[in-house]
Amino acid sequence: METTYFLQGERMDLTAGSLQIPVAMLNVFNGTIVLVLIPVLDRFVYPCFQRFKRPLSNMHRI
């Protein structure tokens, strides 16, 4: 997976205004987003589904 991000990043325009984002930062962003979203989903999104009588099985959570 890391190689795929790196290869895609080499071909992307990674400029944000005057800032040039290094290709290796794509892996850092991916890991950070996963670490942030897991607790958010577990504490807010999944309980919301349960309140509206739409509980998600473990397979749906994956």
PDB file of N, CA and C in Angstrom:
ATOM      1  N   MET A   1       0.819  -1.184   0.000  1.00  0.00           N
ATOM      2  CA  MET A   1       0.000   0.000   0.000  1.00  0.00           C
ATOM      3  C   MET A   1       0.865   1.251   0.000  1.00  0.00           C
ATOM      4  N   GLU A   2       1.927   1.250   0.747  1.00  0.00           N
ATOM      5  CA  GLU A   2       2.788   2.426   0.804  1.00  0.00           C
ATOM      6  C   GLU A   2       3.403   2.724  -0.553  1.00  0.00           C
ATOM      7  N   THR A   3       3.763   1.695  -1.286  1.00  0.00           N
ATOM      8  CA  THR A   3       4.357   1.894  -2.602  1.00  0.00           C
ATOM      9  C   THR A   3       3.349   2.530  -3.548  1.00  0.00           C
ATOM     10  N   THR A   4       2.090   2.110  -3.459  1.00  0.00           N
ATOM     11  CA  THR A   4       1.054   2.673  -4.311  1.00  0.00           C
ATOM     12  C   THR A   4       0.884   4.163  -4.044  1.00  0.00           C
ATOM     13  N   TYR A   5       0.828   4.551  -2.775  1.00  0.00           N
ATOM     14  CA  TYR A   5       0.710   5.972  -2.443  1.00  0.00           C
ATOM     15  C   TYR A   5       1.909   6.750  -2.961  1.00  0.00           C
ATOM     16  N   PHE A   6       3.077   6.179  -2.818  1.00  0.00           N
ATOM     17  CA  PHE A   6       4.284   6.867  -3.266  1.00  0.00           C
ATOM     18  C   PHE A   6       4.268   7.042  -4.781  1.00  0.00           C
ATOM     19  N   LEU A   7       3.919   5.993  -5.512  1.00  0.00           N
ATOM     20  CA  LEU A   7       3.885   6.083  -6.974  1.00  0.00           C
ATOM     21  C   LEU A   7       2.820   7.070  -7.452  1.00  0.00           C
ATOM     22  N   GLN A   8       1.657   7.056  -6.820  1.00  0.00           N
ATOM     23  CA  GLN A   8       0.617   8.018  -7.191  1.00  0.00           C
ATOM     24  C   GLN A   8       1.052   9.437  -6.847  1.00  0.00           C
ATOM     25  N   GLY A   9       1.686   9.591  -5.702  1.00  0.00           N
ATOM     26  CA  GLY A   9       2.128  10.910  -5.266  1.00  0.00           C
ATOM     27  C   GLY A   9       3.177  11.512  -6.173  1.00  0.00           C
ATOM     28  N   GLU A  10       4.001  10.669  -6.779  1.00  0.00           N
ATOM     29  CA  GLU A  10       5.011  11.180  -7.711  1.00  0.00           C
ATOM     30  C   GLU A  10       4.374  11.828  -8.926  1.00  0.00           C
ATOM     31  N   ARG A  11       3.189  11.390  -9.292  1.00  0.00           N
ATOM     32  CA  ARG A  11       2.529  11.900 -10.489  1.00  0.00           C
ATOM     33  C   ARG A  11       1.503  12.998 -10.183  1.00  0.00           C
ATOM     34  N   MET A  12       1.265  13.265  -8.898  1.00  0.00           N
ATOM     35  CA  MET A  12       0.277  14.266  -8.504  1.00  0.00           C
ATOM     36  C   MET A  12       0.916  15.645  -8.364  1.00  0.00           C
ATOM     37  N   ASP A  13       0.069  16.658  -8.497  1.00  0.00           N
ATOM     38  CA  ASP A  13       0.495  18.029  -8.212  1.00  0.00           C
ATOM     39  C   ASP A  13       0.241  18.267  -6.731  1.00  0.00           C
ATOM     40  N   LEU A  14       1.276  18.252  -5.936  1.00  0.00           N
ATOM     41  CA  LEU A  14       1.151  18.350  -4.487  1.00  0.00           C
ATOM     42  C   LEU A  14       1.465  19.751  -3.974  1.00  0.00           C
ATOM     43  N   THR A  15       1.011  20.746  -4.698  1.00  0.00           N
ATOM     44  CA  THR A  15       1.212  22.115  -4.242  1.00  0.00           C
ATOM     45  C   THR A  15      -0.083  22.639  -3.637  1.00  0.00           C
ATOM     46  N   ALA A  16       0.059  23.337  -2.528  1.00  0.00           N
ATOM     47  CA  ALA A  16      -1.073  23.990  -1.870  1.00  0.00           C
ATOM     48  C   ALA A  16      -0.698  25.458  -1.718  1.00  0.00           C
ATOM     49  N   GLY A  17      -1.129  26.245  -2.666  1.00  0.00           N
ATOM     50  CA  GLY A  17      -0.706  27.646  -2.694  1.00  0.00           C
ATOM     51  C   GLY A  17       0.759  27.719  -3.067  1.00  0.00           C
ATOM     52  N   SER A  18       1.572  28.262  -2.183  1.00  0.00           N
ATOM     53  CA  SER A  18       3.010  28.328  -2.444  1.00  0.00           C
ATOM     54  C   SER A  18       3.763  27.202  -1.740  1.00  0.00           C
ATOM     55  N   LEU A  19       3.046  26.331  -1.057  1.00  0.00           N
ATOM     56  CA  LEU A  19       3.652  25.242  -0.295  1.00  0.00           C
ATOM     57  C   LEU A  19       3.725  23.972  -1.133  1.00  0.00           C
ATOM     58  N   GLN A  20       4.881  23.361  -1.199  1.00  0.00           N
ATOM     59  CA  GLN A  20       5.071  22.094  -1.904  1.00  0.00           C
ATOM     60  C   GLN A  20       5.072  20.969  -0.865  1.00  0.00           C
ATOM     61  N   ILE A  21       4.112  20.055  -0.964  1.00  0.00           N
ATOM     62  CA  ILE A  21       3.996  18.947  -0.012  1.00  0.00           C
ATOM     63  C   ILE A  21       4.858  17.790  -0.505  1.00  0.00           C
ATOM     64  N   PRO A  22       5.728  17.245   0.340  1.00  0.00           N
ATOM     65  CA  PRO A  22       6.548  16.107  -0.077  1.00  0.00           C
ATOM     66  C   PRO A  22       5.693  14.856  -0.298  1.00  0.00           C
ATOM     67  N   VAL A  23       6.117  14.035  -1.221  1.00  0.00           N
ATOM     68  CA  VAL A  23       5.380  12.820  -1.563  1.00  0.00           C
ATOM     69  C   VAL A  23       5.253  11.894  -0.358  1.00  0.00           C
ATOM     70  N   ALA A  24       6.267  11.800   0.456  1.00  0.00           N
ATOM     71  CA  ALA A  24       6.242  10.897   1.609  1.00  0.00           C
ATOM     72  C   ALA A  24       5.176  11.289   2.626  1.00  0.00           C
ATOM     73  N   MET A  25       4.712  12.522   2.594  1.00  0.00           N
ATOM     74  CA  MET A  25       3.686  12.962   3.542  1.00  0.00           C
ATOM     75  C   MET A  25       2.341  12.295   3.298  1.00  0.00           C
ATOM     76  N   LEU A  26       2.120  11.739   2.108  1.00  0.00           N
ATOM     77  CA  LEU A  26       0.861  11.041   1.846  1.00  0.00           C
ATOM     78  C   LEU A  26       0.683   9.866   2.803  1.00  0.00           C
ATOM     79  N   ASN A  27       1.746   9.133   3.088  1.00  0.00           N
ATOM     80  CA  ASN A  27       1.665   8.029   4.042  1.00  0.00           C
ATOM     81  C   ASN A  27       1.374   8.539   5.444  1.00  0.00           C
ATOM     82  N   VAL A  28       1.954   9.658   5.807  1.00  0.00           N
ATOM     83  CA  VAL A  28       1.709  10.242   7.126  1.00  0.00           C
ATOM     84  C   VAL A  28       0.254  10.684   7.235  1.00  0.00           C
ATOM     85  N   PHE A  29      -0.271  11.329   6.204  1.00  0.00           N
ATOM     86  CA  PHE A  29      -1.666  11.760   6.216  1.00  0.00           C
ATOM     87  C   PHE A  29      -2.600  10.560   6.344  1.00  0.00           C
ATOM     88  N   ASN A  30      -2.318   9.496   5.615  1.00  0.00           N
ATOM     89  CA  ASN A  30      -3.159   8.308   5.655  1.00  0.00           C
ATOM     90  C   ASN A  30      -3.203   7.727   7.063  1.00  0.00           C
ATOM     91  N   GLY A  31      -2.066   7.536   7.672  1.00  0.00           N
ATOM     92  CA  GLY A  31      -2.025   6.978   9.020  1.00  0.00           C
ATOM     93  C   GLY A  31      -2.700   7.873  10.041  1.00  0.00           C
ATOM     94  N   THR A  32      -2.516   9.174   9.899  1.00  0.00           N
ATOM     95  CA  THR A  32      -3.126  10.126  10.828  1.00  0.00           C
ATOM     96  C   THR A  32      -4.645  10.118  10.708  1.00  0.00           C
ATOM     97  N   ILE A  33      -5.144  10.097   9.502  1.00  0.00           N
ATOM     98  CA  ILE A  33      -6.592  10.082   9.291  1.00  0.00           C
ATOM     99  C   ILE A  33      -7.208   8.820   9.882  1.00  0.00           C
ATOM    100  N   VAL A  34      -6.568   7.680   9.696  1.00  0.00           N
ATOM    101  CA  VAL A  34      -7.073   6.428  10.266  1.00  0.00           C
ATOM    102  C   VAL A  34      -7.106   6.516  11.785  1.00  0.00           C
ATOM    103  N   LEU A  35      -6.040   7.017  12.392  1.00  0.00           N
ATOM    104  CA  LEU A  35      -5.991   7.126  13.849  1.00  0.00           C
ATOM    105  C   LEU A  35      -7.031   8.101  14.394  1.00  0.00           C
ATOM    106  N   VAL A  36      -7.381   9.109  13.639  1.00  0.00           N
ATOM    107  CA  VAL A  36      -8.380  10.076  14.090  1.00  0.00           C
ATOM    108  C   VAL A  36      -9.797   9.548  13.869  1.00  0.00           C
ATOM    109  N   LEU A  37     -10.046   8.925  12.727  1.00  0.00           N
ATOM    110  CA  LEU A  37     -11.406   8.518  12.394  1.00  0.00           C
ATOM    111  C   LEU A  37     -11.906   7.310  13.176  1.00  0.00           C
ATOM    112  N   ILE A  38     -11.046   6.403  13.577  1.00  0.00           N
ATOM    113  CA  ILE A  38     -11.506   5.221  14.311  1.00  0.00           C
ATOM    114  C   ILE A  38     -12.222   5.614  15.604  1.00  0.00           C
ATOM    115  N   PRO A  39     -11.636   6.450  16.470  1.00  0.00           N
ATOM    116  CA  PRO A  39     -12.385   6.839  17.677  1.00  0.00           C
ATOM    117  C   PRO A  39     -13.640   7.666  17.373  1.00  0.00           C
ATOM    118  N   VAL A  40     -13.590   8.505  16.348  1.00  0.00           N
ATOM    119  CA  VAL A  40     -14.762   9.314  15.996  1.00  0.00           C
ATOM    120  C   VAL A  40     -15.909   8.413  15.570  1.00  0.00           C
ATOM    121  N   LEU A  41     -15.629   7.452  14.722  1.00  0.00           N
ATOM    122  CA  LEU A  41     -16.670   6.523  14.295  1.00  0.00           C
ATOM    123  C   LEU A  41     -17.198   5.716  15.469  1.00  0.00           C
ATOM    124  N   ASP A  42     -16.303   5.237  16.314  1.00  0.00           N
ATOM    125  CA  ASP A  42     -16.688   4.380  17.433  1.00  0.00           C
ATOM    126  C   ASP A  42     -17.513   5.126  18.481  1.00  0.00           C
ATOM    127  N   ARG A  43     -17.227   6.395  18.714  1.00  0.00           N
ATOM    128  CA  ARG A  43     -17.916   7.142  19.773  1.00  0.00           C
ATOM    129  C   ARG A  43     -19.127   7.927  19.300  1.00  0.00           C
ATOM    130  N   PHE A  44     -19.165   8.310  18.028  1.00  0.00           N
ATOM    131  CA  PHE A  44     -20.245   9.181  17.577  1.00  0.00           C
ATOM    132  C   PHE A  44     -21.101   8.574  16.470  1.00  0.00           C
ATOM    133  N   VAL A  45     -20.492   8.058  15.430  1.00  0.00           N
ATOM    134  CA  VAL A  45     -21.250   7.610  14.262  1.00  0.00           C
ATOM    135  C   VAL A  45     -21.984   6.302  14.538  1.00  0.00           C
ATOM    136  N   TYR A  46     -21.296   5.287  15.037  1.00  0.00           N
ATOM    137  CA  TYR A  46     -21.935   3.994  15.286  1.00  0.00           C
ATOM    138  C   TYR A  46     -23.037   4.077  16.337  1.00  0.00           C
ATOM    139  N   PRO A  47     -22.861   4.798  17.453  1.00  0.00           N
ATOM    140  CA  PRO A  47     -23.982   4.947  18.392  1.00  0.00           C
ATOM    141  C   PRO A  47     -25.182   5.677  17.783  1.00  0.00           C
ATOM    142  N   CYS A  48     -24.922   6.596  16.873  1.00  0.00           N
ATOM    143  CA  CYS A  48     -26.016   7.293  16.201  1.00  0.00           C
ATOM    144  C   CYS A  48     -26.850   6.309  15.377  1.00  0.00           C
ATOM    145  N   PHE A  49     -26.200   5.397  14.706  1.00  0.00           N
ATOM    146  CA  PHE A  49     -26.911   4.365  13.958  1.00  0.00           C
ATOM    147  C   PHE A  49     -27.757   3.514  14.896  1.00  0.00           C
ATOM    148  N   GLN A  50     -27.247   3.176  16.060  1.00  0.00           N
ATOM    149  CA  GLN A  50     -27.987   2.357  17.016  1.00  0.00           C
ATOM    150  C   GLN A  50     -29.207   3.100  17.557  1.00  0.00           C
ATOM    151  N   ARG A  51     -29.100   4.396  17.781  1.00  0.00           N
ATOM    152  CA  ARG A  51     -30.237   5.176  18.271  1.00  0.00           C
ATOM    153  C   ARG A  51     -31.386   5.196  17.277  1.00  0.00           C
ATOM    154  N   PHE A  52     -31.060   5.160  16.000  1.00  0.00           N
ATOM    155  CA  PHE A  52     -32.089   5.177  14.966  1.00  0.00           C
ATOM    156  C   PHE A  52     -32.476   3.776  14.516  1.00  0.00           C
ATOM    157  N   LYS A  53     -32.232   2.795  15.388  1.00  0.00           N
ATOM    158  CA  LYS A  53     -32.619   1.397  15.149  1.00  0.00           C
ATOM    159  C   LYS A  53     -31.993   0.816  13.890  1.00  0.00           C
ATOM    160  N   ARG A  54     -30.781   1.248  13.582  1.00  0.00           N
ATOM    161  CA  ARG A  54     -30.036   0.715  12.434  1.00  0.00           C
ATOM    162  C   ARG A  54     -28.663   0.245  12.897  1.00  0.00           C
ATOM    163  N   PRO A  55     -28.611  -0.710  13.837  1.00  0.00           N
ATOM    164  CA  PRO A  55     -27.294  -1.133  14.327  1.00  0.00           C
ATOM    165  C   PRO A  55     -26.473  -1.784  13.213  1.00  0.00           C
ATOM    166  N   LEU A  56     -25.197  -1.532  13.240  1.00  0.00           N
ATOM    167  CA  LEU A  56     -24.295  -2.089  12.243  1.00  0.00           C
ATOM    168  C   LEU A  56     -23.597  -3.316  12.820  1.00  0.00           C
ATOM    169  N   SER A  57     -23.516  -4.354  12.020  1.00  0.00           N
ATOM    170  CA  SER A  57     -22.775  -5.539  12.453  1.00  0.00           C
ATOM    171  C   SER A  57     -21.277  -5.243  12.348  1.00  0.00           C
ATOM    172  N   ASN A  58     -20.494  -6.124  12.908  1.00  0.00           N
ATOM    173  CA  ASN A  58     -19.040  -5.939  12.822  1.00  0.00           C
ATOM    174  C   ASN A  58     -18.571  -5.945  11.375  1.00  0.00           C
ATOM    175  N   MET A  59     -19.214  -6.738  10.544  1.00  0.00           N
ATOM    176  CA  MET A  59     -18.831  -6.788   9.135  1.00  0.00           C
ATOM    177  C   MET A  59     -19.114  -5.448   8.444  1.00  0.00           C
ATOM    178  N   HIS A  60     -20.222  -4.801   8.780  1.00  0.00           N
ATOM    179  CA  HIS A  60     -20.520  -3.493   8.195  1.00  0.00           C
ATOM    180  C   HIS A  60     -19.546  -2.431   8.674  1.00  0.00           C
ATOM    181  N   ARG A  61     -19.079  -2.563   9.895  1.00  0.00           N
ATOM    182  CA  ARG A  61     -18.141  -1.583  10.428  1.00  0.00           C
ATOM    183  C   ARG A  61     -16.801  -1.636   9.710  1.00  0.00           C
ATOM    184  N   ILE A  62     -16.436  -2.785   9.234  1.00  0.00           N
ATOM    185  CA  ILE A  62     -15.166  -2.930   8.520  1.00  0.00           C
ATOM    186  C   ILE A  62     -15.293  -2.245   7.184  1.00  0.00           C
TER     187      ILE A  62
END
